[in-house]
Amino acid sequence: MNFVRSRLSIGNIVGQRCRRVTETWSHRAMCNKPQETKAESNRADRGFKLPGYRPSKMDKKFLIWTGRFKTVDQIPTFVSFEMIDAARNKMRVRICYIMIAATIVACMVMVFLGKRAVARNESLASLNMEKKARWREEALRERSAAEAVSDKTQ
């Protein structure tokens, strides 16, 4: 197993080295044209802005709950997608915090109920043994009733 692991790690190292070498090589080595940089392409994109987004009822509630607007009347018909996305992210984080708090409270309640059950000398093992004893008694009753019925018919 160690032999296989060592071979896999050597393969990863060699693969990373080859990848680094090929990334540095230019595919257009013979071309003298300067390649377009990202800064030039971003200049053209600066003038382009995503069109407005018409918020749904839930989005409007999120905008109000996150404090972007005070009332529904203040929300414009078109809102930038970034504002909606920020409001959704804030609500997502708040909901996660609420879920964490609810989980902690539920754990505390379970601990409290478990301690009460221990005080009453209840445990899962004793409850299961009682349940199985009841099932055995019911099975014995059913067998004796079935035997009584079969004796009467003979």
N, C-alpha and C. Protein backbone atom coordinates (compact mmCIF):
# COMPACT_ATOMS: atom_id res chain seq x y z
N MET A 1 0.82 -1.20 0.00
CA MET A 1 0.00 0.00 0.00
C MET A 1 0.86 1.25 0.00
N ASN A 2 1.95 1.23 0.80
CA ASN A 2 2.85 2.38 0.82
C ASN A 2 3.52 2.58 -0.53
N PHE A 3 3.81 1.48 -1.22
CA PHE A 3 4.41 1.56 -2.53
C PHE A 3 3.50 2.32 -3.49
N VAL A 4 2.19 2.00 -3.43
CA VAL A 4 1.22 2.66 -4.31
C VAL A 4 1.13 4.14 -3.96
N ARG A 5 1.10 4.45 -2.67
CA ARG A 5 1.01 5.86 -2.26
C ARG A 5 2.22 6.65 -2.75
N SER A 6 3.41 6.06 -2.61
CA SER A 6 4.61 6.78 -3.04
C SER A 6 4.58 7.02 -4.54
N ARG A 7 4.12 6.04 -5.31
CA ARG A 7 4.05 6.21 -6.76
C ARG A 7 3.02 7.28 -7.13
N LEU A 8 1.90 7.32 -6.39
CA LEU A 8 0.89 8.34 -6.69
C LEU A 8 1.42 9.73 -6.39
N SER A 9 2.14 9.87 -5.27
CA SER A 9 2.66 11.20 -4.93
C SER A 9 3.72 11.64 -5.93
N ILE A 10 4.54 10.71 -6.38
CA ILE A 10 5.55 11.07 -7.39
C ILE A 10 4.85 11.48 -8.68
N GLY A 11 3.78 10.80 -9.03
CA GLY A 11 3.04 11.17 -10.23
C GLY A 11 2.44 12.56 -10.11
N ASN A 12 1.95 12.92 -8.93
CA ASN A 12 1.40 14.26 -8.72
C ASN A 12 2.48 15.31 -8.87
N ILE A 13 3.66 15.05 -8.30
CA ILE A 13 4.75 16.02 -8.38
C ILE A 13 5.18 16.22 -9.82
N VAL A 14 5.35 15.12 -10.57
CA VAL A 14 5.75 15.21 -11.97
C VAL A 14 4.67 15.92 -12.77
N GLY A 15 3.40 15.59 -12.50
CA GLY A 15 2.30 16.23 -13.23
C GLY A 15 2.24 17.72 -12.97
N GLN A 16 2.49 18.14 -11.72
CA GLN A 16 2.47 19.57 -11.42
C GLN A 16 3.63 20.28 -12.12
N ARG A 17 4.80 19.64 -12.15
CA ARG A 17 5.95 20.25 -12.80
C ARG A 17 5.68 20.42 -14.28
N CYS A 18 5.13 19.40 -14.92
CA CYS A 18 4.83 19.50 -16.35
C CYS A 18 3.79 20.58 -16.61
N ARG A 19 2.82 20.69 -15.74
CA ARG A 19 1.78 21.70 -15.91
C ARG A 19 2.38 23.10 -15.80
N ARG A 20 3.29 23.31 -14.84
CA ARG A 20 3.92 24.61 -14.68
C ARG A 20 4.73 24.98 -15.92
N VAL A 21 5.43 24.01 -16.47
CA VAL A 21 6.26 24.26 -17.64
C VAL A 21 5.38 24.62 -18.83
N THR A 22 4.30 23.89 -19.03
CA THR A 22 3.45 24.16 -20.19
C THR A 22 2.69 25.46 -20.04
N GLU A 23 2.40 25.88 -18.79
CA GLU A 23 1.71 27.14 -18.62
C GLU A 23 2.60 28.32 -18.98
N THR A 24 3.90 28.18 -18.76
CA THR A 24 4.80 29.28 -19.06
C THR A 24 5.11 29.39 -20.55
N TRP A 25 5.01 28.30 -21.28
CA TRP A 25 5.28 28.34 -22.71
C TRP A 25 4.15 29.06 -23.42
N SER A 26 4.49 29.77 -24.44
CA SER A 26 3.48 30.45 -25.23
C SER A 26 3.09 29.55 -26.39
N HIS A 27 1.81 29.47 -26.65
CA HIS A 27 1.34 28.66 -27.77
C HIS A 27 1.56 29.39 -29.11
N ARG A 28 1.75 30.71 -29.02
CA ARG A 28 1.92 31.50 -30.23
C ARG A 28 3.34 32.08 -30.23
N ALA A 29 4.32 31.23 -30.18
CA ALA A 29 5.70 31.69 -30.05
C ALA A 29 6.17 32.47 -31.28
N MET A 30 5.65 32.15 -32.45
CA MET A 30 6.12 32.80 -33.67
C MET A 30 5.37 34.08 -33.99
N CYS A 31 4.33 34.37 -33.27
CA CYS A 31 3.52 35.55 -33.56
C CYS A 31 4.11 36.76 -32.84
N ASN A 32 4.21 37.90 -33.53
CA ASN A 32 4.77 39.11 -32.94
C ASN A 32 3.71 40.04 -32.38
N LYS A 33 2.42 39.71 -32.57
CA LYS A 33 1.36 40.57 -32.06
C LYS A 33 1.35 40.54 -30.54
N PRO A 34 1.18 41.68 -29.92
CA PRO A 34 1.06 41.65 -28.46
C PRO A 34 -0.30 41.06 -28.08
N GLN A 35 -0.30 40.21 -27.10
CA GLN A 35 -1.54 39.60 -26.69
C GLN A 35 -2.35 40.58 -25.86
N GLU A 36 -3.66 40.50 -25.99
CA GLU A 36 -4.55 41.41 -25.29
C GLU A 36 -4.52 41.09 -23.80
N THR A 37 -4.37 42.11 -23.01
CA THR A 37 -4.33 41.90 -21.55
C THR A 37 -5.72 42.05 -20.98
N LYS A 38 -5.87 41.64 -19.76
CA LYS A 38 -7.18 41.72 -19.11
C LYS A 38 -7.57 43.15 -18.82
N ALA A 39 -6.61 44.03 -18.58
CA ALA A 39 -6.92 45.42 -18.28
C ALA A 39 -7.61 46.08 -19.46
N GLU A 40 -7.19 45.76 -20.68
CA GLU A 40 -7.81 46.35 -21.86
C GLU A 40 -9.24 45.85 -22.03
N SER A 41 -9.48 44.58 -21.75
CA SER A 41 -10.82 44.05 -21.92
C SER A 41 -11.75 44.58 -20.83
N ASN A 42 -11.22 44.88 -19.65
CA ASN A 42 -12.05 45.40 -18.58
C ASN A 42 -12.50 46.83 -18.86
N ARG A 43 -11.69 47.59 -19.59
CA ARG A 43 -12.07 48.96 -19.90
C ARG A 43 -13.35 49.00 -20.73
N ALA A 44 -13.50 48.06 -21.62
CA ALA A 44 -14.70 48.01 -22.46
C ALA A 44 -15.91 47.57 -21.64
N ASP A 45 -15.67 46.73 -20.63
CA ASP A 45 -16.77 46.23 -19.82
C ASP A 45 -17.25 47.22 -18.78
N ARG A 46 -16.47 48.25 -18.49
CA ARG A 46 -16.86 49.19 -17.44
C ARG A 46 -18.15 49.93 -17.79
N GLY A 47 -18.34 50.23 -19.04
CA GLY A 47 -19.54 50.94 -19.45
C GLY A 47 -20.78 50.06 -19.42
N PHE A 48 -20.59 48.76 -19.47
CA PHE A 48 -21.72 47.84 -19.47
C PHE A 48 -22.13 47.52 -18.05
N LYS A 49 -23.38 47.72 -17.72
CA LYS A 49 -23.88 47.40 -16.40
C LYS A 49 -25.10 46.51 -16.58
N LEU A 50 -25.23 45.57 -15.69
CA LEU A 50 -26.38 44.68 -15.77
C LEU A 50 -27.66 45.49 -15.66
N PRO A 51 -28.68 45.15 -16.41
CA PRO A 51 -29.92 45.89 -16.31
C PRO A 51 -30.56 45.68 -14.94
N GLY A 52 -31.50 46.53 -14.61
CA GLY A 52 -32.17 46.43 -13.33
C GLY A 52 -32.91 45.13 -13.17
N TYR A 53 -33.14 44.78 -11.94
CA TYR A 53 -33.80 43.52 -11.60
C TYR A 53 -35.09 43.87 -10.89
N ARG A 54 -36.19 43.31 -11.34
CA ARG A 54 -37.48 43.57 -10.70
C ARG A 54 -37.60 42.61 -9.52
N PRO A 55 -37.58 43.13 -8.28
CA PRO A 55 -37.61 42.25 -7.11
C PRO A 55 -38.98 41.60 -6.91
N SER A 56 -38.96 40.35 -6.48
CA SER A 56 -40.20 39.66 -6.15
C SER A 56 -40.65 40.07 -4.76
N LYS A 57 -41.78 39.53 -4.32
CA LYS A 57 -42.28 39.88 -2.99
C LYS A 57 -41.29 39.44 -1.91
N MET A 58 -40.72 38.25 -2.08
CA MET A 58 -39.75 37.76 -1.10
C MET A 58 -38.50 38.63 -1.10
N ASP A 59 -38.05 39.04 -2.30
CA ASP A 59 -36.89 39.92 -2.37
C ASP A 59 -37.16 41.26 -1.69
N LYS A 60 -38.37 41.77 -1.84
CA LYS A 60 -38.73 43.01 -1.17
C LYS A 60 -38.69 42.85 0.34
N LYS A 61 -39.18 41.70 0.83
CA LYS A 61 -39.11 41.44 2.27
C LYS A 61 -37.65 41.36 2.73
N PHE A 62 -36.81 40.72 1.93
CA PHE A 62 -35.40 40.63 2.29
C PHE A 62 -34.77 42.02 2.34
N LEU A 63 -35.11 42.87 1.36
CA LEU A 63 -34.55 44.23 1.34
C LEU A 63 -34.98 45.02 2.57
N ILE A 64 -36.20 44.81 3.02
CA ILE A 64 -36.67 45.52 4.21
C ILE A 64 -36.02 44.94 5.47
N TRP A 65 -35.97 43.61 5.58
CA TRP A 65 -35.42 42.97 6.78
C TRP A 65 -33.93 43.24 6.94
N THR A 66 -33.22 43.39 5.82
CA THR A 66 -31.79 43.67 5.92
C THR A 66 -31.50 45.15 6.11
N GLY A 67 -32.51 46.00 6.07
CA GLY A 67 -32.33 47.42 6.36
C GLY A 67 -31.99 48.27 5.16
N ARG A 68 -32.12 47.76 3.96
CA ARG A 68 -31.84 48.58 2.77
C ARG A 68 -32.90 49.66 2.60
N PHE A 69 -34.14 49.28 2.87
CA PHE A 69 -35.26 50.21 2.76
C PHE A 69 -36.13 50.07 4.00
N LYS A 70 -36.86 51.14 4.32
CA LYS A 70 -37.71 51.13 5.51
C LYS A 70 -39.09 50.53 5.24
N THR A 71 -39.66 50.86 4.09
CA THR A 71 -41.00 50.35 3.74
C THR A 71 -40.98 49.81 2.32
N VAL A 72 -42.05 49.10 1.98
CA VAL A 72 -42.18 48.53 0.63
C VAL A 72 -42.34 49.65 -0.40
N ASP A 73 -42.95 50.75 0.00
CA ASP A 73 -43.16 51.87 -0.94
C ASP A 73 -41.85 52.50 -1.38
N GLN A 74 -40.81 52.43 -0.56
CA GLN A 74 -39.53 53.05 -0.90
C GLN A 74 -38.73 52.23 -1.91
N ILE A 75 -39.07 50.97 -2.09
CA ILE A 75 -38.31 50.11 -3.00
C ILE A 75 -38.68 50.47 -4.43
N PRO A 76 -37.69 50.80 -5.27
CA PRO A 76 -37.99 51.13 -6.67
C PRO A 76 -38.40 49.89 -7.45
N THR A 77 -38.97 50.10 -8.62
CA THR A 77 -39.42 48.96 -9.42
C THR A 77 -38.25 48.13 -9.93
N PHE A 78 -37.12 48.78 -10.22
CA PHE A 78 -35.92 48.06 -10.65
C PHE A 78 -34.80 48.32 -9.67
N VAL A 79 -34.19 47.23 -9.21
CA VAL A 79 -33.10 47.31 -8.24
C VAL A 79 -31.91 46.58 -8.86
N SER A 80 -30.71 47.01 -8.54
CA SER A 80 -29.54 46.33 -9.09
C SER A 80 -29.45 44.91 -8.53
N PHE A 81 -28.92 44.03 -9.35
CA PHE A 81 -28.79 42.64 -8.93
C PHE A 81 -27.84 42.52 -7.74
N GLU A 82 -26.84 43.39 -7.68
CA GLU A 82 -25.89 43.35 -6.57
C GLU A 82 -26.59 43.62 -5.24
N MET A 83 -27.55 44.56 -5.24
CA MET A 83 -28.27 44.88 -4.01
C MET A 83 -29.14 43.70 -3.58
N ILE A 84 -29.81 43.07 -4.54
CA ILE A 84 -30.64 41.90 -4.23
C ILE A 84 -29.76 40.77 -3.71
N ASP A 85 -28.63 40.56 -4.38
CA ASP A 85 -27.72 39.49 -3.98
C ASP A 85 -27.17 39.73 -2.57
N ALA A 86 -26.83 40.97 -2.26
CA ALA A 86 -26.32 41.29 -0.92
C ALA A 86 -27.40 41.05 0.13
N ALA A 87 -28.64 41.43 -0.18
CA ALA A 87 -29.74 41.21 0.77
C ALA A 87 -29.98 39.72 0.98
N ARG A 88 -29.94 38.95 -0.11
CA ARG A 88 -30.13 37.50 0.02
C ARG A 88 -29.01 36.87 0.85
N ASN A 89 -27.79 37.31 0.62
CA ASN A 89 -26.66 36.77 1.39
C ASN A 89 -26.79 37.09 2.87
N LYS A 90 -27.22 38.33 3.18
CA LYS A 90 -27.41 38.69 4.58
C LYS A 90 -28.49 37.82 5.22
N MET A 91 -29.58 37.61 4.50
CA MET A 91 -30.65 36.78 5.05
C MET A 91 -30.19 35.33 5.19
N ARG A 92 -29.39 34.86 4.25
CA ARG A 92 -28.87 33.50 4.34
C ARG A 92 -28.04 33.33 5.60
N VAL A 93 -27.19 34.32 5.90
CA VAL A 93 -26.36 34.27 7.09
C VAL A 93 -27.23 34.34 8.35
N ARG A 94 -28.22 35.22 8.35
CA ARG A 94 -29.11 35.33 9.52
C ARG A 94 -29.86 34.03 9.77
N ILE A 95 -30.34 33.41 8.69
CA ILE A 95 -31.06 32.14 8.84
C ILE A 95 -30.11 31.06 9.38
N CYS A 96 -28.86 31.08 8.94
CA CYS A 96 -27.88 30.11 9.47
C CYS A 96 -27.67 30.34 10.96
N TYR A 97 -27.56 31.60 11.38
CA TYR A 97 -27.41 31.89 12.81
C TYR A 97 -28.63 31.41 13.60
N ILE A 98 -29.81 31.62 13.05
CA ILE A 98 -31.03 31.16 13.72
C ILE A 98 -31.04 29.64 13.83
N MET A 99 -30.62 28.96 12.77
CA MET A 99 -30.58 27.50 12.80
C MET A 99 -29.54 27.00 13.81
N ILE A 100 -28.42 27.68 13.93
CA ILE A 100 -27.41 27.30 14.92
C ILE A 100 -27.97 27.45 16.32
N ALA A 101 -28.64 28.59 16.57
CA ALA A 101 -29.23 28.82 17.89
C ALA A 101 -30.32 27.78 18.19
N ALA A 102 -31.15 27.46 17.20
CA ALA A 102 -32.20 26.46 17.41
C ALA A 102 -31.60 25.09 17.70
N THR A 103 -30.50 24.75 17.05
CA THR A 103 -29.84 23.47 17.31
C THR A 103 -29.29 23.42 18.72
N ILE A 104 -28.69 24.50 19.17
CA ILE A 104 -28.15 24.53 20.53
C ILE A 104 -29.28 24.42 21.55
N VAL A 105 -30.39 25.14 21.33
CA VAL A 105 -31.53 25.05 22.24
C VAL A 105 -32.10 23.64 22.25
N ALA A 106 -32.23 23.02 21.09
CA ALA A 106 -32.75 21.66 21.02
C ALA A 106 -31.84 20.68 21.76
N CYS A 107 -30.53 20.87 21.64
CA CYS A 107 -29.60 20.01 22.38
C CYS A 107 -29.77 20.18 23.88
N MET A 108 -29.94 21.41 24.32
CA MET A 108 -30.15 21.66 25.76
C MET A 108 -31.44 21.01 26.25
N VAL A 109 -32.49 21.10 25.46
CA VAL A 109 -33.76 20.47 25.83
C VAL A 109 -33.60 18.96 25.92
N MET A 110 -32.89 18.37 24.96
CA MET A 110 -32.68 16.92 24.99
C MET A 110 -31.87 16.50 26.22
N VAL A 111 -30.87 17.29 26.59
CA VAL A 111 -30.10 16.99 27.79
C VAL A 111 -31.00 17.06 29.02
N PHE A 112 -31.83 18.08 29.09
CA PHE A 112 -32.75 18.24 30.22
C PHE A 112 -33.72 17.06 30.30
N LEU A 113 -34.31 16.68 29.15
CA LEU A 113 -35.23 15.55 29.15
C LEU A 113 -34.53 14.24 29.49
N GLY A 114 -33.30 14.08 29.05
CA GLY A 114 -32.54 12.89 29.38
C GLY A 114 -32.25 12.79 30.87
N LYS A 115 -31.93 13.91 31.49
CA LYS A 115 -31.68 13.90 32.93
C LYS A 115 -32.95 13.58 33.71
N ARG A 116 -34.07 14.09 33.22
CA ARG A 116 -35.35 13.75 33.89
C ARG A 116 -35.65 12.27 33.75
N ALA A 117 -35.37 11.68 32.58
CA ALA A 117 -35.61 10.26 32.38
C ALA A 117 -34.71 9.42 33.28
N VAL A 118 -33.47 9.85 33.47
CA VAL A 118 -32.57 9.14 34.36
C VAL A 118 -33.09 9.21 35.79
N ALA A 119 -33.64 10.35 36.19
CA ALA A 119 -34.18 10.48 37.55
C ALA A 119 -35.36 9.53 37.75
N ARG A 120 -36.12 9.22 36.67
CA ARG A 120 -37.25 8.29 36.78
C ARG A 120 -36.81 6.85 36.51
N ASN A 121 -35.50 6.63 36.39
CA ASN A 121 -34.93 5.32 36.11
C ASN A 121 -35.43 4.74 34.78
N GLU A 122 -35.58 5.58 33.79
CA GLU A 122 -35.96 5.13 32.46
C GLU A 122 -34.72 5.15 31.58
N SER A 123 -34.59 4.11 30.78
CA SER A 123 -33.51 4.08 29.79
C SER A 123 -34.03 3.36 28.55
N LEU A 124 -33.33 3.51 27.47
CA LEU A 124 -33.77 2.86 26.24
C LEU A 124 -33.70 1.34 26.38
N ALA A 125 -32.70 0.86 27.09
CA ALA A 125 -32.58 -0.58 27.27
C ALA A 125 -33.77 -1.14 28.05
N SER A 126 -34.16 -0.47 29.13
CA SER A 126 -35.30 -0.97 29.92
C SER A 126 -36.60 -0.86 29.13
N LEU A 127 -36.77 0.23 28.38
CA LEU A 127 -37.99 0.37 27.57
C LEU A 127 -38.06 -0.71 26.50
N ASN A 128 -36.94 -1.03 25.86
CA ASN A 128 -36.92 -2.08 24.84
C ASN A 128 -37.20 -3.44 25.45
N MET A 129 -36.65 -3.71 26.62
CA MET A 129 -36.90 -5.00 27.27
C MET A 129 -38.37 -5.14 27.65
N GLU A 130 -39.00 -4.06 28.15
CA GLU A 130 -40.43 -4.11 28.47
C GLU A 130 -41.26 -4.35 27.22
N LYS A 131 -40.91 -3.66 26.13
CA LYS A 131 -41.65 -3.82 24.88
C LYS A 131 -41.54 -5.26 24.36
N LYS A 132 -40.35 -5.83 24.40
CA LYS A 132 -40.17 -7.20 23.93
C LYS A 132 -40.89 -8.19 24.83
N ALA A 133 -40.96 -7.93 26.14
CA ALA A 133 -41.70 -8.81 27.05
C ALA A 133 -43.19 -8.78 26.72
N ARG A 134 -43.71 -7.57 26.42
CA ARG A 134 -45.12 -7.46 26.02
C ARG A 134 -45.38 -8.23 24.73
N TRP A 135 -44.47 -8.12 23.77
CA TRP A 135 -44.64 -8.84 22.51
C TRP A 135 -44.64 -10.36 22.73
N ARG A 136 -43.76 -10.83 23.62
CA ARG A 136 -43.73 -12.27 23.91
C ARG A 136 -45.05 -12.73 24.53
N GLU A 137 -45.57 -11.92 25.48
CA GLU A 137 -46.84 -12.27 26.12
C GLU A 137 -47.96 -12.31 25.09
N GLU A 138 -48.01 -11.33 24.21
CA GLU A 138 -49.05 -11.30 23.18
C GLU A 138 -48.90 -12.51 22.25
N ALA A 139 -47.68 -12.87 21.90
CA ALA A 139 -47.46 -14.02 21.02
C ALA A 139 -47.91 -15.30 21.72
N LEU A 140 -47.64 -15.43 23.04
CA LEU A 140 -48.08 -16.62 23.78
C LEU A 140 -49.60 -16.69 23.84
N ARG A 141 -50.24 -15.54 24.06
CA ARG A 141 -51.71 -15.51 24.10
C ARG A 141 -52.29 -15.92 22.75
N GLU A 142 -51.73 -15.39 21.69
CA GLU A 142 -52.22 -15.73 20.35
C GLU A 142 -52.02 -17.21 20.04
N ARG A 143 -50.88 -17.77 20.45
CA ARG A 143 -50.63 -19.19 20.23
C ARG A 143 -51.61 -20.06 21.02
N SER A 144 -51.83 -19.67 22.29
CA SER A 144 -52.76 -20.47 23.11
C SER A 144 -54.19 -20.35 22.56
N ALA A 145 -54.56 -19.16 22.07
CA ALA A 145 -55.89 -18.99 21.49
C ALA A 145 -56.00 -19.82 20.21
N ALA A 146 -54.95 -19.86 19.41
CA ALA A 146 -54.97 -20.64 18.17
C ALA A 146 -55.04 -22.13 18.48
N GLU A 147 -54.35 -22.57 19.53
CA GLU A 147 -54.40 -23.98 19.92
C GLU A 147 -55.78 -24.35 20.45
N ALA A 148 -56.40 -23.42 21.21
CA ALA A 148 -57.74 -23.69 21.73
C ALA A 148 -58.74 -23.83 20.60
N VAL A 149 -58.63 -22.98 19.58
CA VAL A 149 -59.53 -23.04 18.45
C VAL A 149 -59.29 -24.32 17.66
N SER A 150 -58.05 -24.74 17.50
CA SER A 150 -57.76 -25.97 16.75
C SER A 150 -58.22 -27.20 17.54
N ASP A 151 -58.18 -27.16 18.88
CA ASP A 151 -58.66 -28.28 19.70
C ASP A 151 -60.18 -28.42 19.60
N LYS A 152 -60.87 -27.30 19.56
CA LYS A 152 -62.33 -27.32 19.46
C LYS A 152 -62.80 -27.88 18.12
N THR A 153 -62.09 -27.59 17.06
CA THR A 153 -62.48 -28.04 15.74
C THR A 153 -62.21 -29.54 15.56
N GLN A 154 -61.34 -30.11 16.32
CA GLN A 154 -61.03 -31.54 16.15
C GLN A 154 -61.97 -32.34 16.94
